[in-house]
Protein backbone atom coordinates (compact mmCIF):
# COMPACT_ATOMS: atom_id res chain seq x y z
CA MET A 1 9.17 22.94 -1.67
CA LEU A 2 11.55 21.82 1.07
CA SER A 3 12.54 18.16 0.83
CA ARG A 4 11.60 17.72 4.50
CA VAL A 5 8.05 18.93 3.84
CA ALA A 6 7.68 16.83 0.67
CA ASN A 7 8.95 13.76 2.54
CA SER A 8 6.48 14.27 5.39
CA ILE A 9 3.48 14.67 3.07
CA TYR A 10 4.56 11.62 1.08
CA TRP A 11 4.91 9.43 4.18
CA LEU A 12 1.82 10.84 5.87
CA ASN A 13 -0.21 9.46 2.98
CA ARG A 14 1.74 6.20 2.74
CA TYR A 15 1.19 5.47 6.43
CA VAL A 16 -2.55 6.23 6.35
CA GLU A 17 -2.95 4.10 3.22
CA ARG A 18 -0.87 1.31 4.80
CA ALA A 19 -3.05 1.26 7.91
CA GLU A 20 -6.19 0.98 5.80
CA ASN A 21 -4.72 -1.76 3.64
CA ILE A 22 -3.50 -3.78 6.61
CA ALA A 23 -7.09 -3.75 7.84
CA ARG A 24 -8.17 -5.05 4.42
CA PHE A 25 -5.29 -7.52 4.49
CA VAL A 26 -6.39 -9.10 7.79
CA GLU A 27 -10.03 -8.98 6.76
CA VAL A 28 -9.29 -10.82 3.52
CA ASN A 29 -7.60 -13.61 5.45
CA ARG A 30 -10.38 -13.86 8.02
CA ASN A 31 -13.05 -14.00 5.33
CA LEU A 32 -11.18 -16.55 3.23
CA LEU A 33 -10.57 -18.82 6.19
CA LEU A 34 -14.22 -18.78 7.26
CA ASP A 35 -15.01 -20.86 4.17
CA SER A 36 -11.84 -22.93 4.23
CA PRO A 37 -12.02 -26.58 5.35
CA LEU A 38 -8.39 -26.44 6.46
CA GLY A 39 -8.98 -24.70 9.75
CA LEU A 40 -8.20 -21.20 10.89
CA GLU A 41 -4.86 -21.67 12.62
CA GLN A 42 -3.28 -23.52 9.71
CA GLN A 43 -3.19 -20.49 7.40
CA TRP A 44 -1.97 -17.63 9.57
CA GLN A 45 1.78 -18.26 9.19
CA PRO A 46 1.75 -17.86 5.38
CA PHE A 47 -0.20 -14.67 6.00
CA VAL A 48 2.67 -13.23 8.06
CA LEU A 49 5.18 -14.56 5.52
CA ILE A 50 3.57 -12.42 2.83
CA THR A 51 4.24 -9.28 4.90
CA GLY A 52 7.97 -10.00 4.85
CA ASP A 53 8.20 -9.87 8.65
CA LEU A 54 7.90 -13.55 9.60
CA PRO A 55 11.33 -13.73 11.37
CA LEU A 56 10.42 -10.76 13.58
CA PHE A 57 7.02 -12.26 14.34
CA GLN A 58 8.50 -15.64 15.28
CA GLU A 59 11.06 -13.98 17.52
CA ARG A 60 8.41 -12.05 19.42
CA TYR A 61 5.32 -14.31 19.31
CA GLY A 62 6.39 -17.81 18.33
CA GLU A 63 3.26 -19.65 17.21
CA ALA A 64 1.24 -18.12 14.36
CA THR A 65 -2.24 -18.28 15.86
CA ALA A 66 -5.05 -15.99 14.74
CA GLU A 67 -4.85 -13.99 17.96
CA ASN A 68 -1.06 -13.55 17.77
CA VAL A 69 -1.03 -12.52 14.12
CA ILE A 70 -3.89 -10.05 14.50
CA GLN A 71 -2.24 -8.52 17.58
CA PHE A 72 1.07 -8.25 15.69
CA LEU A 73 -0.40 -6.56 12.62
CA THR A 74 -3.01 -4.43 14.33
CA PHE A 75 -2.10 -3.27 17.82
CA ASP A 76 1.60 -4.03 18.37
CA ALA A 77 3.16 -0.66 19.21
CA GLU A 78 6.71 -2.03 18.74
CA TYR A 79 6.08 -3.41 15.25
CA PRO A 80 6.57 -0.48 12.83
CA ASN A 81 4.05 -1.77 10.27
CA SER A 82 1.12 -2.41 12.59
CA ILE A 83 -1.99 -0.28 12.15
CA LEU A 84 -1.31 1.46 15.46
CA SER A 85 2.34 2.23 14.59
CA CYS A 86 1.46 3.43 11.08
CA LEU A 87 -1.06 5.92 12.40
CA LYS A 88 1.29 7.11 15.11
CA ALA A 89 3.91 7.79 12.41
CA ALA A 90 1.30 9.45 10.18
CA ARG A 91 0.26 11.71 13.05
CA GLU A 92 3.87 12.73 13.72
CA ASN A 93 4.42 13.53 10.05
CA ALA A 94 1.22 15.59 10.01
CA ARG A 95 2.28 17.42 13.18
CA SER A 96 5.59 18.44 11.58
CA ILE A 97 3.86 20.09 8.60
CA ARG A 98 0.72 21.56 10.14
CA GLU A 99 1.47 24.87 8.41
CA VAL A 100 1.27 23.13 5.01
CA ILE A 101 -1.72 20.80 5.33
CA SER A 102 -5.28 21.88 6.10
CA SER A 103 -6.60 21.92 9.66
CA GLU A 104 -9.22 19.35 8.62
CA MET A 105 -6.47 16.94 7.53
CA TRP A 106 -4.72 17.29 10.88
CA GLU A 107 -7.96 16.78 12.82
CA GLN A 108 -8.83 13.67 10.81
CA VAL A 109 -5.47 11.93 11.19
CA ASN A 110 -5.40 12.84 14.89
CA GLU A 111 -8.88 11.41 15.50
CA PHE A 112 -8.00 8.35 13.41
CA TYR A 113 -4.95 7.63 15.58
CA MET A 114 -6.86 8.11 18.84
CA MET A 115 -9.62 5.75 17.66
CA VAL A 116 -7.07 2.98 17.05
CA ARG A 117 -5.15 3.76 20.25
CA ASP A 118 -8.33 3.46 22.31
CA ALA A 119 -9.29 0.23 20.55
CA ALA A 120 -5.88 -1.23 21.39
CA LYS A 121 -6.53 -0.73 25.11
CA GLY A 122 -9.80 -2.67 25.15
CA GLN A 123 -9.33 -5.01 22.21
CA ASN A 124 -11.77 -7.86 21.68
CA LEU A 125 -11.58 -10.31 18.78
CA CYS A 126 -15.36 -10.27 18.51
CA ASP A 127 -15.27 -6.53 17.74
CA LEU A 128 -12.69 -6.81 14.96
CA PRO A 129 -15.08 -6.68 11.97
CA GLU A 130 -16.49 -3.36 13.17
CA PHE A 131 -13.00 -2.09 14.01
CA PHE A 132 -11.62 -2.90 10.54
CA TYR A 133 -14.65 -1.22 8.98
CA LYS A 134 -13.88 1.94 10.96
CA VAL A 135 -10.23 1.83 9.89
CA LYS A 136 -11.21 1.61 6.23
CA LEU A 137 -13.80 4.38 6.63
CA ASN A 138 -11.29 6.69 8.32
CA GLY A 139 -8.78 6.01 5.56
CA HIS A 140 -11.38 7.06 2.97
CA LEU A 141 -12.22 10.15 5.01
CA PHE A 142 -8.61 11.26 5.15
CA ALA A 143 -8.11 10.83 1.39
CA GLY A 144 -11.34 12.69 0.65
CA ILE A 145 -10.54 15.53 3.05
CA MET A 146 -7.08 15.94 1.55
CA ASP A 147 -8.47 16.10 -1.98
CA ALA A 148 -11.14 18.60 -0.97
CA THR A 149 -9.21 20.93 1.35
CA MET A 150 -5.60 20.98 0.13
CA SER A 151 -4.41 22.89 -2.94
CA HIS A 152 -3.44 20.46 -5.69
CA ASN A 153 0.11 21.74 -5.85
CA GLU A 154 3.47 19.98 -5.43
CA GLY A 155 2.65 18.94 -1.89
CA TRP A 156 -0.62 17.33 -2.89
CA HIS A 157 1.10 15.45 -5.72
CA PHE A 158 3.78 14.08 -3.38
CA GLY A 159 1.01 12.85 -1.08
CA ASN A 160 -0.88 11.33 -3.98
CA ILE A 161 2.20 9.44 -5.15
CA GLY A 162 2.77 8.08 -1.66
CA ARG A 163 -0.83 6.90 -1.38
CA LEU A 164 -0.89 5.25 -4.80
CA LEU A 165 2.46 3.46 -4.51
CA GLU A 166 1.42 2.07 -1.15
CA ARG A 167 -1.95 0.98 -2.53
CA ALA A 168 -0.37 -0.77 -5.53
CA ASP A 169 2.04 -2.66 -3.28
CA LYS A 170 -0.69 -3.79 -0.91
CA ALA A 171 -3.02 -4.79 -3.77
CA SER A 172 -0.34 -7.21 -4.94
CA ARG A 173 0.04 -8.61 -1.42
CA ILE A 174 -3.72 -9.07 -1.02
CA LEU A 175 -3.69 -11.16 -4.20
CA ASP A 176 -0.80 -13.12 -2.73
CA VAL A 177 -3.00 -13.98 0.27
CA LYS A 178 -5.30 -15.94 -2.02
CA TYR A 179 -2.30 -17.66 -3.61
CA TYR A 180 -1.05 -18.92 -0.24
CA ILE A 181 -4.50 -19.95 0.96
CA LEU A 182 -4.93 -22.03 -2.17
CA LEU A 183 -1.53 -23.75 -2.03
CA PRO A 184 -2.45 -26.61 0.34
CA SER A 185 -5.56 -27.53 -1.70
CA VAL A 186 -4.84 -27.15 -5.41
CA GLU A 187 -7.61 -29.62 -6.15
CA ASP A 188 -10.11 -26.93 -5.09
CA VAL A 189 -9.24 -24.71 -8.07
CA GLY A 190 -12.37 -24.02 -10.10
CA THR A 191 -14.74 -25.39 -7.47
CA THR A 192 -17.49 -23.59 -5.58
CA LEU A 193 -15.07 -23.12 -2.66
CA ASP A 194 -12.60 -21.41 -4.97
CA GLU A 195 -15.30 -19.04 -6.25
CA ILE A 196 -16.44 -18.23 -2.70
CA GLN A 197 -12.86 -17.32 -1.76
CA TRP A 198 -12.45 -15.01 -4.76
CA ILE A 199 -15.75 -13.33 -3.89
CA ALA A 200 -14.53 -12.83 -0.31
CA LEU A 201 -11.35 -11.20 -1.63
CA LEU A 202 -13.32 -8.87 -3.91
CA LYS A 203 -15.69 -7.82 -1.14
CA SER A 204 -12.88 -7.24 1.34
CA THR A 205 -11.23 -4.85 -1.11
CA SER A 206 -14.44 -2.98 -2.07
CA ALA A 207 -14.15 -4.39 -5.59
CA TYR A 208 -17.05 -6.83 -5.86
CA GLU A 209 -19.64 -4.53 -7.47
CA MET A 210 -17.15 -2.90 -9.85
CA TYR A 211 -15.82 -6.29 -10.92
CA ARG A 212 -19.32 -7.59 -11.67
CA LYS A 213 -20.10 -4.49 -13.73
CA ARG A 214 -16.82 -4.87 -15.61
CA GLN A 215 -17.41 -8.51 -16.56
CA LYS A 216 -19.88 -9.00 -19.39
CA ARG A 217 -20.86 -12.49 -18.23
CA HIS A 218 -20.71 -11.56 -14.53
CA GLN A 219 -18.64 -14.66 -13.79
CA ILE A 220 -16.16 -14.88 -10.92
CA THR A 221 -13.03 -16.49 -12.34
CA PRO A 222 -9.43 -16.46 -11.08
CA TYR A 223 -8.19 -15.06 -14.41
CA GLY A 224 -10.86 -12.37 -14.37
CA VAL A 225 -10.15 -11.25 -10.80
CA VAL A 226 -6.37 -11.15 -11.28
CA GLU A 227 -6.74 -9.24 -14.56
CA PHE A 228 -9.09 -6.76 -12.85
CA PHE A 229 -6.78 -6.19 -9.89
CA VAL A 230 -3.60 -5.89 -11.93
CA LEU A 231 -4.46 -4.46 -15.35
CA ASP A 232 -7.73 -2.52 -15.07
CA ARG A 233 -7.14 1.16 -15.91
CA GLU A 234 -10.33 2.54 -14.33
CA PHE A 235 -10.75 0.86 -10.93
CA PRO A 236 -9.01 3.03 -8.27
CA ARG A 237 -7.56 0.08 -6.36
CA SER A 238 -6.06 -1.76 -9.35
CA ILE A 239 -2.28 -1.78 -9.68
CA GLN A 240 -2.26 -0.31 -13.19
CA TYR A 241 -4.59 2.54 -12.20
CA CYS A 242 -2.34 3.40 -9.24
CA LEU A 243 0.80 3.46 -11.38
CA ILE A 244 -0.82 5.55 -14.14
CA HIS A 245 -1.95 8.25 -11.73
CA ALA A 246 1.23 8.17 -9.65
CA GLU A 247 3.19 8.78 -12.85
CA GLN A 248 0.92 11.69 -13.77
CA SER A 249 1.56 13.31 -10.38
CA LEU A 250 5.29 12.77 -10.76
CA HIS A 251 5.25 14.55 -14.12
CA GLN A 252 3.34 17.42 -12.52
CA ILE A 253 6.11 17.79 -9.95
CA THR A 254 9.04 17.63 -12.38
CA GLY A 255 7.37 19.36 -15.31
CA SER A 256 8.52 16.69 -17.74
CA LEU A 257 6.27 15.52 -20.57
CA SER A 258 4.43 12.20 -20.49
CA GLY A 259 6.59 9.50 -22.04
CA THR A 260 9.82 11.22 -21.01
CA TRP A 261 11.90 11.18 -17.84
CA GLN A 262 14.35 13.47 -16.05
CA ASN A 263 15.35 11.33 -13.07
CA SER A 264 15.58 7.71 -11.96
CA SER A 265 12.22 7.70 -10.17
CA GLU A 266 10.39 8.79 -13.34
CA ARG A 267 12.34 6.23 -15.35
CA GLU A 268 11.53 3.27 -13.06
CA LEU A 269 7.88 4.21 -12.63
CA GLY A 270 7.38 4.90 -16.35
CA ARG A 271 9.03 1.64 -17.35
CA LEU A 272 6.88 -0.46 -15.01
CA ARG A 273 3.69 1.32 -16.06
CA ALA A 274 4.55 0.87 -19.75
CA GLU A 275 5.20 -2.86 -19.30
CA LEU A 276 1.77 -3.30 -17.72
CA ASP A 277 0.24 -1.38 -20.64
CA TYR A 278 1.20 -4.20 -22.99
CA MET A 279 0.78 -7.10 -20.59
CA THR A 280 -2.04 -9.64 -20.75
CA ILE A 281 -3.41 -12.03 -18.17
CA ASP A 282 -1.82 -14.88 -20.15
CA ASP A 283 1.59 -13.26 -19.69
CA ILE A 284 1.02 -13.20 -15.93
CA THR A 285 -0.21 -16.78 -15.64
CA ASP A 286 2.54 -18.14 -17.90
CA ARG A 287 5.11 -16.58 -15.61
CA GLY A 288 3.32 -17.66 -12.43
CA LEU A 289 1.11 -15.42 -10.31
CA HIS A 290 3.30 -15.50 -7.20
CA GLN A 291 6.50 -14.92 -9.18
CA PHE A 292 4.90 -11.99 -11.01
CA LEU A 293 3.60 -10.42 -7.80
CA ASP A 294 6.91 -10.91 -6.00
CA ASP A 295 8.79 -9.11 -8.79
CA LEU A 296 6.13 -6.38 -8.88
CA GLN A 297 6.57 -5.71 -5.16
CA ARG A 298 10.34 -5.51 -5.61
CA ARG A 299 9.99 -2.96 -8.40
CA ILE A 300 7.49 -0.82 -6.47
CA ASN A 301 9.94 -0.79 -3.57
CA LEU A 302 12.66 0.28 -6.01
CA ILE A 303 10.49 3.19 -7.17
CA GLY A 304 10.12 4.22 -3.52
CA ASP A 305 13.91 4.10 -3.10
CA LYS A 306 14.39 6.24 -6.20
CA MET A 307 11.82 8.75 -4.90
CA PHE A 308 13.88 9.09 -1.74
CA GLU A 309 17.15 9.52 -3.64
CA THR A 310 15.66 12.05 -6.06
CA PHE A 311 13.54 14.25 -3.81
CA PHE A 312 14.08 13.57 -0.11
CA ALA A 313 17.74 12.66 0.51
CA LEU A 314 19.93 15.44 1.84
CA GLU A 315 23.28 15.37 0.05
CA PRO A 316 26.31 16.99 1.70
CA ILE A 317 28.15 19.71 -0.17
CA PRO A 318 31.32 18.21 -1.70
CA ASN A 319 34.51 19.10 0.14
CA GLN A 320 36.21 20.36 -3.00
CA ILE A 321 33.68 23.20 -3.26
CA THR A 322 34.63 24.39 0.22
CA ILE A 323 38.34 24.14 -0.59
CA SER A 324 37.84 25.99 -3.86
CA SER A 325 35.96 28.73 -2.10
CA ARG A 326 38.70 29.15 0.47
CA GLN A 327 41.34 29.27 -2.22
CA THR A 328 39.40 31.98 -4.03
CA ILE A 329 39.24 34.05 -0.89
CA LEU A 330 42.92 33.63 -0.04
CA THR A 331 44.21 34.34 -3.53
CA PRO A 332 45.36 37.99 -3.91
């Protein structure tokens, strides 16, 4: 498979997954703040800080109000990680490989983009809950259509890796939202308010029912939710699940056996997945949730960099090969 094609399929899936997760991201914050006694405006700046783009936001918008932050993350066409920009990039990637993907995939990503583009023209904060629901639904539709209509060959595996790495990264950031919301009111830990906020996080990430079924006592506890989101091997939105299945797809591409590696991307992904295999919730809490999540995001980004170096980067032919070739031709 051409590196250009593999790169486009990989980023097509990353961008669609990113758009869906940004919708979840904003929804988590809105739901958490509805039950917070601190006030809505007070908690939007940490929310932007978690995205890593606070300096850009401050330069363009200044004050971190709910309206400014939602505009920045949802409809800002000049911000490359907004929902609108992600879907525009996904559509362009899909357009460049229409001969590889199914027609249903192209139609879905095209309709998805146009839905968000039209919403950006007549945006209304009162309509946001329905809009975010549609974004999540369209993200699910795209993933399902891809699984059902595209051959599960190298291209599909590159797309699957892109989707799962993006999902793992955003799952860690959604957990970080709760960390920042809690910071100004540590005394609320373990209270009814704390439980309500964890429930809001679970519901916003489609995890509430699965979490309750997983827990024998059906209790909502910070330790239980973090363990579920990070270490559960069966829930499709947990970090460990994403890394396990991304690694499996990577082995399908390279042909290497499980537990072995042939390149730096396999090595970094396998090492992180193996560390989580033997990690406990006590290990995470002893280190500090925010510190653990921050390091996890850094390592997922490193895996993405190694994927680019291994599969997508175009390396020039060394000059000495050209010289050698010329010398061979000129030699009698």
